[in-house]
PDB file of N, CA and C in Angstrom:
ATOM      1  N   MET A   1      -0.322   0.897 -46.822  1.00  0.00           N
ATOM      2  CA  MET A   1      -0.610   0.030 -47.917  1.00  0.00           C
ATOM      3  C   MET A   1      -1.856   0.130 -48.157  1.00  0.00           C
ATOM      4  N   THR A   2      -2.241   0.029 -49.591  1.00  0.00           N
ATOM      5  CA  THR A   2      -3.748   0.357 -50.150  1.00  0.00           C
ATOM      6  C   THR A   2      -4.739  -0.962 -49.637  1.00  0.00           C
ATOM      7  N   LEU A   3      -5.659  -0.756 -49.761  1.00  0.00           N
ATOM      8  CA  LEU A   3      -6.823  -1.795 -49.201  1.00  0.00           C
ATOM      9  C   LEU A   3      -6.310  -3.007 -50.292  1.00  0.00           C
ATOM     10  N   ARG A   4      -6.155  -2.469 -51.711  1.00  0.00           N
ATOM     11  CA  ARG A   4      -6.185  -3.629 -52.661  1.00  0.00           C
ATOM     12  C   ARG A   4      -4.776  -4.242 -52.451  1.00  0.00           C
ATOM     13  N   ALA A   5      -3.871  -3.711 -52.198  1.00  0.00           N
ATOM     14  CA  ALA A   5      -2.551  -4.479 -51.667  1.00  0.00           C
ATOM     15  C   ALA A   5      -2.609  -5.231 -50.688  1.00  0.00           C
ATOM     16  N   LEU A   6      -3.298  -4.731 -49.469  1.00  0.00           N
ATOM     17  CA  LEU A   6      -3.617  -5.236 -48.459  1.00  0.00           C
ATOM     18  C   LEU A   6      -4.227  -6.854 -48.592  1.00  0.00           C
ATOM     19  N   SER A   7      -5.215  -6.522 -49.381  1.00  0.00           N
ATOM     20  CA  SER A   7      -6.176  -7.930 -50.010  1.00  0.00           C
ATOM     21  C   SER A   7      -5.437  -8.985 -50.770  1.00  0.00           C
ATOM     22  N   ALA A   8      -4.619  -8.400 -51.716  1.00  0.00           N
ATOM     23  CA  ALA A   8      -3.709  -9.262 -52.441  1.00  0.00           C
ATOM     24  C   ALA A   8      -2.591 -10.110 -51.499  1.00  0.00           C
ATOM     25  N   SER A   9      -1.993  -9.287 -50.591  1.00  0.00           N
ATOM     26  CA  SER A   9      -1.195  -9.926 -49.624  1.00  0.00           C
ATOM     27  C   SER A   9      -1.831 -10.947 -48.821  1.00  0.00           C
ATOM     28  N   LEU A  10      -2.970 -10.596 -48.428  1.00  0.00           N
ATOM     29  CA  LEU A  10      -3.717 -11.663 -47.549  1.00  0.00           C
ATOM     30  C   LEU A  10      -4.205 -13.197 -48.450  1.00  0.00           C
ATOM     31  N   ALA A  11      -4.383 -12.715 -49.551  1.00  0.00           N
ATOM     32  CA  ALA A  11      -4.643 -13.733 -50.605  1.00  0.00           C
ATOM     33  C   ALA A  11      -3.501 -14.432 -50.788  1.00  0.00           C
ATOM     34  N   ILE A  12      -2.531 -14.166 -50.879  1.00  0.00           N
ATOM     35  CA  ILE A  12      -0.838 -14.883 -51.147  1.00  0.00           C
ATOM     36  C   ILE A  12      -0.636 -15.433 -49.745  1.00  0.00           C
ATOM     37  N   THR A  13      -0.800 -14.825 -48.981  1.00  0.00           N
ATOM     38  CA  THR A  13      -0.490 -15.561 -47.580  1.00  0.00           C
ATOM     39  C   THR A  13      -1.227 -16.933 -47.197  1.00  0.00           C
ATOM     40  N   SER A  14      -2.641 -16.727 -47.086  1.00  0.00           N
ATOM     41  CA  SER A  14      -3.623 -17.571 -47.258  1.00  0.00           C
ATOM     42  C   SER A  14      -3.390 -18.955 -48.293  1.00  0.00           C
ATOM     43  N   MET A  15      -2.864 -18.440 -49.403  1.00  0.00           N
ATOM     44  CA  MET A  15      -2.382 -19.749 -50.701  1.00  0.00           C
ATOM     45  C   MET A  15      -1.373 -20.585 -50.181  1.00  0.00           C
ATOM     46  N   LEU A  16      -0.291 -19.516 -49.307  1.00  0.00           N
ATOM     47  CA  LEU A  16       1.060 -20.387 -49.042  1.00  0.00           C
ATOM     48  C   LEU A  16       0.628 -21.207 -47.861  1.00  0.00           C
ATOM     49  N   ALA A  17      -0.348 -20.814 -46.950  1.00  0.00           N
ATOM     50  CA  ALA A  17      -0.433 -21.338 -45.767  1.00  0.00           C
ATOM     51  C   ALA A  17      -1.194 -22.685 -46.198  1.00  0.00           C
ATOM     52  N   LEU A  18      -2.204 -22.606 -47.043  1.00  0.00           N
ATOM     53  CA  LEU A  18      -2.883 -23.858 -47.569  1.00  0.00           C
ATOM     54  C   LEU A  18      -2.070 -24.891 -48.335  1.00  0.00           C
ATOM     55  N   CYS A  19      -0.940 -24.164 -48.944  1.00  0.00           N
ATOM     56  CA  CYS A  19      -0.089 -25.312 -49.697  1.00  0.00           C
ATOM     57  C   CYS A  19       0.638 -25.874 -48.434  1.00  0.00           C
ATOM     58  N   GLY A  20       1.342 -25.221 -47.536  1.00  0.00           N
ATOM     59  CA  GLY A  20       2.099 -25.835 -46.558  1.00  0.00           C
ATOM     60  C   GLY A  20       1.250 -26.842 -45.858  1.00  0.00           C
ATOM     61  N   ALA A  21       0.096 -26.528 -45.503  1.00  0.00           N
ATOM     62  CA  ALA A  21      -0.911 -27.619 -45.104  1.00  0.00           C
ATOM     63  C   ALA A  21      -1.169 -28.982 -45.881  1.00  0.00           C
ATOM     64  N   ALA A  22      -1.054 -28.647 -47.106  1.00  0.00           N
ATOM     65  CA  ALA A  22      -1.370 -29.696 -48.100  1.00  0.00           C
ATOM     66  C   ALA A  22      -0.146 -30.489 -48.139  1.00  0.00           C
ATOM     67  N   ALA A  23       1.107 -30.046 -48.048  1.00  0.00           N
ATOM     68  CA  ALA A  23       2.307 -30.653 -48.173  1.00  0.00           C
ATOM     69  C   ALA A  23       2.449 -31.544 -47.131  1.00  0.00           C
ATOM     70  N   VAL A  24       2.014 -31.182 -45.581  1.00  0.00           N
ATOM     71  CA  VAL A  24       2.036 -31.738 -44.678  1.00  0.00           C
ATOM     72  C   VAL A  24       1.138 -33.149 -44.685  1.00  0.00           C
ATOM     73  N   ALA A  25      -0.027 -32.711 -45.138  1.00  0.00           N
ATOM     74  CA  ALA A  25      -1.261 -33.820 -45.387  1.00  0.00           C
ATOM     75  C   ALA A  25      -0.860 -34.993 -46.306  1.00  0.00           C
ATOM     76  N   ASP A  26      -0.016 -34.423 -47.416  1.00  0.00           N
ATOM     77  CA  ASP A  26       0.228 -35.309 -48.611  1.00  0.00           C
ATOM     78  C   ASP A  26       1.570 -35.973 -48.098  1.00  0.00           C
ATOM     79  N   SER A  27       2.146 -35.807 -46.888  1.00  0.00           N
ATOM     80  CA  SER A  27       3.604 -36.500 -46.796  1.00  0.00           C
ATOM     81  C   SER A  27       3.474 -37.917 -46.626  1.00  0.00           C
ATOM     82  N   GLY A  28       2.202 -38.448 -46.315  1.00  0.00           N
ATOM     83  CA  GLY A  28       1.978 -39.657 -46.173  1.00  0.00           C
ATOM     84  C   GLY A  28       2.470 -40.682 -45.019  1.00  0.00           C
ATOM     85  N   LYS A  29       2.987 -39.830 -43.894  1.00  0.00           N
ATOM     86  CA  LYS A  29       3.427 -40.226 -42.705  1.00  0.00           C
ATOM     87  C   LYS A  29       2.103 -40.832 -42.020  1.00  0.00           C
ATOM     88  N   GLU A  30       2.061 -42.219 -41.586  1.00  0.00           N
ATOM     89  CA  GLU A  30       0.948 -42.532 -40.656  1.00  0.00           C
ATOM     90  C   GLU A  30       1.258 -42.243 -39.354  1.00  0.00           C
ATOM     91  N   PRO A  31       0.765 -41.541 -38.516  1.00  0.00           N
ATOM     92  CA  PRO A  31       1.141 -41.358 -37.179  1.00  0.00           C
ATOM     93  C   PRO A  31       0.832 -42.667 -36.284  1.00  0.00           C
ATOM     94  N   SER A  32       1.816 -42.476 -35.153  1.00  0.00           N
ATOM     95  CA  SER A  32       1.682 -44.021 -34.242  1.00  0.00           C
ATOM     96  C   SER A  32       0.308 -43.765 -33.414  1.00  0.00           C
ATOM     97  N   PRO A  33      -0.247 -45.173 -33.442  1.00  0.00           N
ATOM     98  CA  PRO A  33      -1.290 -45.385 -32.556  1.00  0.00           C
ATOM     99  C   PRO A  33      -0.813 -45.300 -31.035  1.00  0.00           C
ATOM    100  N   PRO A  34      -1.712 -45.457 -30.084  1.00  0.00           N
ATOM    101  CA  PRO A  34      -1.313 -45.563 -28.679  1.00  0.00           C
ATOM    102  C   PRO A  34      -0.757 -46.913 -28.467  1.00  0.00           C
ATOM    103  N   PHE A  35       0.390 -46.919 -27.550  1.00  0.00           N
ATOM    104  CA  PHE A  35       0.957 -48.482 -27.129  1.00  0.00           C
ATOM    105  C   PHE A  35       0.510 -48.493 -25.970  1.00  0.00           C
ATOM    106  N   SER A  36      -0.175 -49.352 -25.345  1.00  0.00           N
ATOM    107  CA  SER A  36      -0.465 -49.934 -24.028  1.00  0.00           C
ATOM    108  C   SER A  36       0.778 -50.648 -23.344  1.00  0.00           C
ATOM    109  N   GLU A  37       0.931 -50.713 -22.138  1.00  0.00           N
ATOM    110  CA  GLU A  37       1.785 -51.788 -21.581  1.00  0.00           C
ATOM    111  C   GLU A  37       1.186 -53.023 -21.918  1.00  0.00           C
ATOM    112  N   ASP A  38      -0.037 -53.141 -21.634  1.00  0.00           N
ATOM    113  CA  ASP A  38      -1.051 -54.393 -22.014  1.00  0.00           C
ATOM    114  C   ASP A  38      -0.746 -54.987 -23.014  1.00  0.00           C
ATOM    115  N   PHE A  39      -0.690 -54.314 -24.097  1.00  0.00           N
ATOM    116  CA  PHE A  39      -0.620 -54.508 -25.810  1.00  0.00           C
ATOM    117  C   PHE A  39       0.958 -55.063 -25.857  1.00  0.00           C
ATOM    118  N   LEU A  40       1.782 -54.368 -25.410  1.00  0.00           N
ATOM    119  CA  LEU A  40       3.204 -54.816 -25.442  1.00  0.00           C
ATOM    120  C   LEU A  40       3.634 -55.990 -24.882  1.00  0.00           C
ATOM    121  N   LYS A  41       2.829 -56.447 -23.719  1.00  0.00           N
ATOM    122  CA  LYS A  41       3.156 -57.627 -22.847  1.00  0.00           C
ATOM    123  C   LYS A  41       2.419 -58.739 -23.517  1.00  0.00           C
ATOM    124  N   THR A  42       1.419 -58.745 -24.295  1.00  0.00           N
ATOM    125  CA  THR A  42       0.486 -59.626 -24.615  1.00  0.00           C
ATOM    126  C   THR A  42       1.189 -60.611 -25.514  1.00  0.00           C
ATOM    127  N   GLN A  43       1.221 -61.993 -25.067  1.00  0.00           N
ATOM    128  CA  GLN A  43       1.869 -62.907 -25.674  1.00  0.00           C
ATOM    129  C   GLN A  43       1.439 -63.061 -26.946  1.00  0.00           C
ATOM    130  N   SER A  44       0.574 -63.164 -27.603  1.00  0.00           N
ATOM    131  CA  SER A  44       0.003 -63.245 -28.988  1.00  0.00           C
ATOM    132  C   SER A  44       0.512 -62.165 -29.647  1.00  0.00           C
ATOM    133  N   ASN A  45       0.660 -61.130 -29.407  1.00  0.00           N
ATOM    134  CA  ASN A  45       1.343 -59.993 -29.936  1.00  0.00           C
ATOM    135  C   ASN A  45       2.867 -59.987 -30.457  1.00  0.00           C
ATOM    136  N   ILE A  46       3.337 -60.246 -29.221  1.00  0.00           N
ATOM    137  CA  ILE A  46       4.703 -60.578 -29.485  1.00  0.00           C
ATOM    138  C   ILE A  46       5.280 -61.796 -30.546  1.00  0.00           C
ATOM    139  N   GLN A  47       4.310 -62.869 -30.255  1.00  0.00           N
ATOM    140  CA  GLN A  47       4.391 -63.760 -31.301  1.00  0.00           C
ATOM    141  C   GLN A  47       4.280 -63.593 -32.668  1.00  0.00           C
ATOM    142  N   LEU A  48       3.350 -62.931 -32.900  1.00  0.00           N
ATOM    143  CA  LEU A  48       2.995 -62.482 -34.469  1.00  0.00           C
ATOM    144  C   LEU A  48       4.017 -61.610 -34.844  1.00  0.00           C
ATOM    145  N   GLY A  49       4.462 -60.717 -34.116  1.00  0.00           N
ATOM    146  CA  GLY A  49       5.623 -60.075 -34.367  1.00  0.00           C
ATOM    147  C   GLY A  49       7.113 -60.853 -34.593  1.00  0.00           C
ATOM    148  N   GLU A  50       7.251 -61.619 -33.853  1.00  0.00           N
ATOM    149  CA  GLU A  50       8.253 -62.288 -33.958  1.00  0.00           C
ATOM    150  C   GLU A  50       8.186 -63.251 -35.267  1.00  0.00           C
ATOM    151  N   GLU A  51       7.171 -63.830 -35.711  1.00  0.00           N
ATOM    152  CA  GLU A  51       6.817 -64.517 -37.080  1.00  0.00           C
ATOM    153  C   GLU A  51       7.124 -63.528 -38.178  1.00  0.00           C
ATOM    154  N   ILE A  52       6.869 -62.459 -38.058  1.00  0.00           N
ATOM    155  CA  ILE A  52       6.889 -61.063 -39.163  1.00  0.00           C
ATOM    156  C   ILE A  52       8.495 -60.968 -39.047  1.00  0.00           C
ATOM    157  N   TRP A  53       9.386 -60.811 -37.799  1.00  0.00           N
ATOM    158  CA  TRP A  53      10.661 -60.330 -37.980  1.00  0.00           C
ATOM    159  C   TRP A  53      11.356 -61.584 -38.624  1.00  0.00           C
ATOM    160  N   LYS A  54      10.935 -62.933 -38.143  1.00  0.00           N
ATOM    161  CA  LYS A  54      11.695 -63.841 -38.788  1.00  0.00           C
ATOM    162  C   LYS A  54      11.657 -64.099 -40.534  1.00  0.00           C
ATOM    163  N   GLU A  55      10.388 -63.736 -40.959  1.00  0.00           N
ATOM    164  CA  GLU A  55      10.040 -63.711 -42.185  1.00  0.00           C
ATOM    165  C   GLU A  55      10.612 -62.564 -43.138  1.00  0.00           C
ATOM    166  N   GLN A  56      10.672 -61.349 -42.443  1.00  0.00           N
ATOM    167  CA  GLN A  56      11.107 -60.242 -43.379  1.00  0.00           C
ATOM    168  C   GLN A  56      12.314 -59.487 -42.671  1.00  0.00           C
ATOM    169  N   CYS A  57      12.295 -59.111 -41.584  1.00  0.00           N
ATOM    170  CA  CYS A  57      13.179 -58.304 -40.878  1.00  0.00           C
ATOM    171  C   CYS A  57      14.395 -58.485 -40.604  1.00  0.00           C
ATOM    172  N   ARG A  58      14.592 -59.829 -40.237  1.00  0.00           N
ATOM    173  CA  ARG A  58      16.118 -60.448 -39.758  1.00  0.00           C
ATOM    174  C   ARG A  58      17.241 -60.474 -41.073  1.00  0.00           C
ATOM    175  N   HIS A  59      16.445 -60.538 -42.412  1.00  0.00           N
ATOM    176  CA  HIS A  59      17.211 -60.472 -43.281  1.00  0.00           C
ATOM    177  C   HIS A  59      18.241 -59.189 -43.649  1.00  0.00           C
ATOM    178  N   CYS A  60      17.549 -58.163 -42.830  1.00  0.00           N
ATOM    179  CA  CYS A  60      18.533 -57.026 -43.062  1.00  0.00           C
ATOM    180  C   CYS A  60      19.102 -56.561 -41.667  1.00  0.00           C
ATOM    181  N   HIS A  61      18.363 -57.070 -40.563  1.00  0.00           N
ATOM    182  CA  HIS A  61      18.758 -56.345 -39.354  1.00  0.00           C
ATOM    183  C   HIS A  61      19.187 -57.637 -38.242  1.00  0.00           C
ATOM    184  N   GLY A  62      19.087 -58.794 -38.704  1.00  0.00           N
ATOM    185  CA  GLY A  62      19.666 -59.753 -37.968  1.00  0.00           C
ATOM    186  C   GLY A  62      21.131 -60.232 -37.640  1.00  0.00           C
ATOM    187  N   ARG A  63      21.265 -60.865 -36.974  1.00  0.00           N
ATOM    188  CA  ARG A  63      22.874 -61.502 -36.664  1.00  0.00           C
ATOM    189  C   ARG A  63      23.254 -62.089 -38.102  1.00  0.00           C
ATOM    190  N   SER A  64      22.689 -62.652 -38.704  1.00  0.00           N
ATOM    191  CA  SER A  64      23.356 -63.096 -40.054  1.00  0.00           C
ATOM    192  C   SER A  64      23.203 -62.333 -41.187  1.00  0.00           C
ATOM    193  N   ALA A  65      22.604 -61.145 -41.209  1.00  0.00           N
ATOM    194  CA  ALA A  65      22.444 -60.043 -42.240  1.00  0.00           C
ATOM    195  C   ALA A  65      23.924 -59.542 -42.714  1.00  0.00           C
ATOM    196  N   TYR A  66      24.050 -59.289 -43.816  1.00  0.00           N
ATOM    197  CA  TYR A  66      25.198 -58.756 -44.335  1.00  0.00           C
ATOM    198  C   TYR A  66      25.830 -57.571 -43.782  1.00  0.00           C
ATOM    199  N   PRO A  67      27.105 -57.532 -43.258  1.00  0.00           N
ATOM    200  CA  PRO A  67      27.339 -56.419 -42.687  1.00  0.00           C
ATOM    201  C   PRO A  67      27.145 -55.068 -43.070  1.00  0.00           C
ATOM    202  N   GLY A  68      26.820 -54.002 -42.741  1.00  0.00           N
ATOM    203  CA  GLY A  68      26.489 -52.747 -43.515  1.00  0.00           C
ATOM    204  C   GLY A  68      25.071 -52.880 -44.120  1.00  0.00           C
ATOM    205  N   LYS A  69      24.259 -53.713 -44.234  1.00  0.00           N
ATOM    206  CA  LYS A  69      23.214 -53.720 -44.925  1.00  0.00           C
ATOM    207  C   LYS A  69      22.325 -52.822 -44.200  1.00  0.00           C
ATOM    208  N   ALA A  70      21.815 -53.317 -42.820  1.00  0.00           N
ATOM    209  CA  ALA A  70      20.973 -52.195 -42.123  1.00  0.00           C
ATOM    210  C   ALA A  70      21.561 -52.210 -40.802  1.00  0.00           C
ATOM    211  N   PRO A  71      21.252 -51.263 -39.755  1.00  0.00           N
ATOM    212  CA  PRO A  71      21.969 -51.051 -38.413  1.00  0.00           C
ATOM    213  C   PRO A  71      21.258 -52.157 -37.443  1.00  0.00           C
ATOM    214  N   LYS A  72      22.128 -52.739 -36.692  1.00  0.00           N
ATOM    215  CA  LYS A  72      21.699 -53.529 -35.545  1.00  0.00           C
ATOM    216  C   LYS A  72      20.780 -52.769 -34.612  1.00  0.00           C
ATOM    217  N   LEU A  73      19.973 -53.411 -34.204  1.00  0.00           N
ATOM    218  CA  LEU A  73      19.039 -52.777 -33.347  1.00  0.00           C
ATOM    219  C   LEU A  73      19.219 -52.880 -31.840  1.00  0.00           C
ATOM    220  N   LYS A  74      18.828 -51.788 -31.306  1.00  0.00           N
ATOM    221  CA  LYS A  74      19.234 -51.671 -29.659  1.00  0.00           C
ATOM    222  C   LYS A  74      17.991 -51.319 -29.049  1.00  0.00           C
ATOM    223  N   PRO A  75      17.024 -52.362 -29.089  1.00  0.00           N
ATOM    224  CA  PRO A  75      15.680 -51.736 -28.671  1.00  0.00           C
ATOM    225  C   PRO A  75      15.578 -51.338 -26.872  1.00  0.00           C
ATOM    226  N   ARG A  76      16.732 -51.471 -26.284  1.00  0.00           N
ATOM    227  CA  ARG A  76      16.479 -50.788 -24.818  1.00  0.00           C
ATOM    228  C   ARG A  76      16.753 -49.245 -24.946  1.00  0.00           C
ATOM    229  N   ARG A  77      16.989 -48.857 -26.159  1.00  0.00           N
ATOM    230  CA  ARG A  77      17.036 -47.466 -26.587  1.00  0.00           C
ATOM    231  C   ARG A  77      15.826 -46.887 -27.043  1.00  0.00           C
ATOM    232  N   TYR A  78      14.891 -47.752 -27.480  1.00  0.00           N
ATOM    233  CA  TYR A  78      13.815 -47.233 -28.327  1.00  0.00           C
ATOM    234  C   TYR A  78      12.405 -47.168 -27.546  1.00  0.00           C
ATOM    235  N   LYS A  79      11.637 -46.266 -28.014  1.00  0.00           N
ATOM    236  CA  LYS A  79      10.147 -46.260 -27.497  1.00  0.00           C
ATOM    237  C   LYS A  79       9.233 -46.866 -28.617  1.00  0.00           C
ATOM    238  N   PRO A  80       8.050 -47.097 -28.154  1.00  0.00           N
ATOM    239  CA  PRO A  80       7.079 -47.476 -29.273  1.00  0.00           C
ATOM    240  C   PRO A  80       6.784 -47.062 -30.222  1.00  0.00           C
ATOM    241  N   ASP A  81       6.662 -45.608 -30.032  1.00  0.00           N
ATOM    242  CA  ASP A  81       6.458 -44.895 -31.399  1.00  0.00           C
ATOM    243  C   ASP A  81       7.445 -44.653 -32.413  1.00  0.00           C
ATOM    244  N   PHE A  82       8.817 -44.621 -31.782  1.00  0.00           N
ATOM    245  CA  PHE A  82       9.982 -44.645 -32.970  1.00  0.00           C
ATOM    246  C   PHE A  82       9.872 -45.767 -33.522  1.00  0.00           C
ATOM    247  N   VAL A  83       9.843 -46.777 -33.023  1.00  0.00           N
ATOM    248  CA  VAL A  83       9.787 -48.346 -33.517  1.00  0.00           C
ATOM    249  C   VAL A  83       8.582 -48.130 -34.672  1.00  0.00           C
ATOM    250  N   TYR A  84       7.294 -48.129 -34.356  1.00  0.00           N
ATOM    251  CA  TYR A  84       6.490 -48.010 -35.104  1.00  0.00           C
ATOM    252  C   TYR A  84       6.612 -47.339 -36.466  1.00  0.00           C
ATOM    253  N   ASP A  85       7.099 -46.089 -36.064  1.00  0.00           N
ATOM    254  CA  ASP A  85       7.344 -44.951 -37.268  1.00  0.00           C
ATOM    255  C   ASP A  85       8.021 -45.416 -38.365  1.00  0.00           C
ATOM    256  N   ARG A  86       9.448 -46.058 -37.726  1.00  0.00           N
ATOM    257  CA  ARG A  86      10.719 -46.555 -38.671  1.00  0.00           C
ATOM    258  C   ARG A  86       9.778 -47.795 -39.493  1.00  0.00           C
ATOM    259  N   VAL A  87       9.073 -48.580 -38.967  1.00  0.00           N
ATOM    260  CA  VAL A  87       8.559 -49.800 -39.673  1.00  0.00           C
ATOM    261  C   VAL A  87       7.322 -49.553 -40.647  1.00  0.00           C
ATOM    262  N   THR A  88       6.402 -48.269 -40.181  1.00  0.00           N
ATOM    263  CA  THR A  88       5.476 -47.898 -40.957  1.00  0.00           C
ATOM    264  C   THR A  88       5.871 -47.040 -42.116  1.00  0.00           C
ATOM    265  N   ASN A  89       6.805 -45.998 -41.833  1.00  0.00           N
ATOM    266  CA  ASN A  89       6.953 -44.898 -42.766  1.00  0.00           C
ATOM    267  C   ASN A  89       8.295 -45.430 -43.360  1.00  0.00           C
ATOM    268  N   GLY A  90       9.241 -46.154 -42.900  1.00  0.00           N
ATOM    269  CA  GLY A  90      10.432 -46.207 -43.277  1.00  0.00           C
ATOM    270  C   GLY A  90      11.435 -45.394 -42.952  1.00  0.00           C
ATOM    271  N   PHE A  91      12.591 -45.249 -43.539  1.00  0.00           N
ATOM    272  CA  PHE A  91      13.769 -44.189 -42.851  1.00  0.00           C
ATOM    273  C   PHE A  91      14.905 -44.639 -43.726  1.00  0.00           C
ATOM    274  N   ARG A  92      15.413 -43.566 -44.196  1.00  0.00           N
ATOM    275  CA  ARG A  92      16.674 -43.654 -45.558  1.00  0.00           C
ATOM    276  C   ARG A  92      16.116 -44.684 -46.374  1.00  0.00           C
ATOM    277  N   LYS A  93      17.183 -45.980 -46.151  1.00  0.00           N
ATOM    278  CA  LYS A  93      17.006 -46.869 -47.179  1.00  0.00           C
ATOM    279  C   LYS A  93      15.918 -47.986 -46.826  1.00  0.00           C
ATOM    280  N   MET A  94      15.676 -47.764 -45.445  1.00  0.00           N
ATOM    281  CA  MET A  94      14.530 -48.995 -45.196  1.00  0.00           C
ATOM    282  C   MET A  94      13.253 -48.523 -45.913  1.00  0.00           C
ATOM    283  N   PRO A  95      12.655 -49.327 -46.454  1.00  0.00           N
ATOM    284  CA  PRO A  95      11.089 -49.428 -47.000  1.00  0.00           C
ATOM    285  C   PRO A  95      10.053 -49.005 -46.066  1.00  0.00           C
ATOM    286  N   ALA A  96       9.218 -48.408 -46.232  1.00  0.00           N
ATOM    287  CA  ALA A  96       7.746 -48.408 -45.593  1.00  0.00           C
ATOM    288  C   ALA A  96       7.037 -49.637 -45.651  1.00  0.00           C
ATOM    289  N   TRP A  97       6.651 -49.943 -44.537  1.00  0.00           N
ATOM    290  CA  TRP A  97       5.990 -51.439 -44.695  1.00  0.00           C
ATOM    291  C   TRP A  97       4.345 -51.104 -44.451  1.00  0.00           C
ATOM    292  N   LYS A  98       3.951 -49.899 -44.440  1.00  0.00           N
ATOM    293  CA  LYS A  98       2.509 -49.929 -43.942  1.00  0.00           C
ATOM    294  C   LYS A  98       1.770 -50.369 -45.226  1.00  0.00           C
ATOM    295  N   GLU A  99       2.176 -50.644 -46.465  1.00  0.00           N
ATOM    296  CA  GLU A  99       1.135 -51.113 -47.628  1.00  0.00           C
ATOM    297  C   GLU A  99       1.175 -52.655 -47.607  1.00  0.00           C
ATOM    298  N   VAL A 100       2.302 -53.494 -46.815  1.00  0.00           N
ATOM    299  CA  VAL A 100       2.504 -54.773 -46.534  1.00  0.00           C
ATOM    300  C   VAL A 100       2.023 -55.288 -45.613  1.00  0.00           C
ATOM    301  N   TYR A 101       2.021 -54.957 -44.604  1.00  0.00           N
ATOM    302  CA  TYR A 101       1.246 -55.015 -43.154  1.00  0.00           C
ATOM    303  C   TYR A 101       0.412 -54.205 -42.823  1.00  0.00           C
ATOM    304  N   ASP A 102      -0.779 -54.818 -41.897  1.00  0.00           N
ATOM    305  CA  ASP A 102      -1.765 -53.752 -41.597  1.00  0.00           C
ATOM    306  C   ASP A 102      -1.341 -53.448 -39.987  1.00  0.00           C
ATOM    307  N   GLN A 103      -1.988 -52.510 -39.608  1.00  0.00           N
ATOM    308  CA  GLN A 103      -1.531 -51.682 -38.214  1.00  0.00           C
ATOM    309  C   GLN A 103      -1.278 -52.762 -37.163  1.00  0.00           C
ATOM    310  N   GLN A 104      -2.215 -53.765 -37.181  1.00  0.00           N
ATOM    311  CA  GLN A 104      -1.968 -54.828 -36.084  1.00  0.00           C
ATOM    312  C   GLN A 104      -0.664 -55.512 -36.091  1.00  0.00           C
ATOM    313  N   GLU A 105      -0.214 -55.738 -37.221  1.00  0.00           N
ATOM    314  CA  GLU A 105       1.110 -56.506 -37.662  1.00  0.00           C
ATOM    315  C   GLU A 105       2.029 -55.591 -37.202  1.00  0.00           C
ATOM    316  N   ARG A 106       2.160 -54.470 -37.866  1.00  0.00           N
ATOM    317  CA  ARG A 106       3.124 -53.457 -37.387  1.00  0.00           C
ATOM    318  C   ARG A 106       3.100 -53.228 -35.817  1.00  0.00           C
ATOM    319  N   MET A 107       2.151 -53.070 -35.362  1.00  0.00           N
ATOM    320  CA  MET A 107       2.356 -52.878 -33.684  1.00  0.00           C
ATOM    321  C   MET A 107       2.986 -54.357 -33.131  1.00  0.00           C
ATOM    322  N   SER A 108       2.468 -55.503 -33.581  1.00  0.00           N
ATOM    323  CA  SER A 108       3.053 -56.535 -33.227  1.00  0.00           C
ATOM    324  C   SER A 108       4.551 -56.674 -33.406  1.00  0.00           C
ATOM    325  N   ILE A 109       5.093 -56.062 -34.379  1.00  0.00           N
ATOM    326  CA  ILE A 109       6.529 -56.218 -34.656  1.00  0.00           C
ATOM    327  C   ILE A 109       6.966 -55.390 -33.568  1.00  0.00           C
ATOM    328  N   VAL A 110       6.539 -54.165 -33.164  1.00  0.00           N
ATOM    329  CA  VAL A 110       7.087 -53.200 -32.147  1.00  0.00           C
ATOM    330  C   VAL A 110       7.214 -54.133 -30.916  1.00  0.00           C
ATOM    331  N   ALA A 111       5.916 -54.686 -30.416  1.00  0.00           N
ATOM    332  CA  ALA A 111       5.770 -55.343 -29.287  1.00  0.00           C
ATOM    333  C   ALA A 111       6.950 -56.693 -29.364  1.00  0.00           C
ATOM    334  N   TYR A 112       7.252 -57.111 -30.323  1.00  0.00           N
ATOM    335  CA  TYR A 112       8.312 -58.100 -30.305  1.00  0.00           C
ATOM    336  C   TYR A 112       9.617 -57.512 -30.025  1.00  0.00           C
ATOM    337  N   ILE A 113       9.993 -56.403 -30.735  1.00  0.00           N
ATOM    338  CA  ILE A 113      11.270 -55.829 -30.734  1.00  0.00           C
ATOM    339  C   ILE A 113      11.671 -55.472 -29.435  1.00  0.00           C
ATOM    340  N   LEU A 114      10.294 -54.928 -28.673  1.00  0.00           N
ATOM    341  CA  LEU A 114      10.721 -54.130 -27.471  1.00  0.00           C
ATOM    342  C   LEU A 114      10.321 -55.317 -26.265  1.00  0.00           C
ATOM    343  N   SER A 115      10.359 -56.459 -26.691  1.00  0.00           N
ATOM    344  CA  SER A 115      10.262 -57.468 -25.481  1.00  0.00           C
ATOM    345  C   SER A 115      11.396 -58.125 -25.286  1.00  0.00           C
ATOM    346  N   LYS A 116      11.109 -59.037 -24.150  1.00  0.00           N
ATOM    347  CA  LYS A 116      12.308 -59.640 -23.468  1.00  0.00           C
ATOM    348  C   LYS A 116      12.982 -60.960 -24.499  1.00  0.00           C
ATOM    349  N   ASP A 117      11.969 -61.167 -25.191  1.00  0.00           N
ATOM    350  CA  ASP A 117      11.818 -62.260 -26.050  1.00  0.00           C
ATOM    351  C   ASP A 117      12.780 -61.977 -27.397  1.00  0.00           C
ATOM    352  N   PHE A 118      12.881 -60.804 -27.657  1.00  0.00           N
ATOM    353  CA  PHE A 118      13.668 -60.161 -29.004  1.00  0.00           C
ATOM    354  C   PHE A 118      14.952 -60.683 -29.102  1.00  0.00           C
ATOM    355  N   SER A 119      15.354 -61.421 -30.288  1.00  0.00           N
ATOM    356  CA  SER A 119      16.849 -61.731 -30.535  1.00  0.00           C
ATOM    357  C   SER A 119      16.910 -61.585 -32.042  1.00  0.00           C
ATOM    358  N   PRO A 120      17.706 -60.790 -32.502  1.00  0.00           N
ATOM    359  CA  PRO A 120      18.078 -60.248 -33.745  1.00  0.00           C
ATOM    360  C   PRO A 120      18.709 -61.698 -34.425  1.00  0.00           C
TER     361      PRO A 120
END
C-alpha cells in the first residue's frame, strides 16, 4: 500500500469513527444517576413518586388502564437503572418523560415503583 493510500485509508477510518461517536452522543439517551438505598427508602421521595404515578403513569400501567395499552409492571423483577431508563428515555410506544419531569421527579417515580407502597 502506498503512503498516499494508507493516509486516505486512515482519514476515512477516522471519519467513520467520529461519525459513530457522534451517533452515540446524539442518541439523546440520558444515563441513570446512581441510586442509593437511602434515596430509594426515603419516604418523601416515595410520596413524590406516588403523586406523579397517580397523575400520569397509572392511566396506562394501572389496574384500571385499558387492557393492552401498556404492560402491567412487575417491580420485584426491576433494578432502579432499568426503571429510570424507561421513564427517562421511553421504550417502544412509551414516551420519554425527561422533558416533562426533572431528574429528582423521575428518580422519585423509581423509588415509588420499587417501594413496598407501590400499588398499580
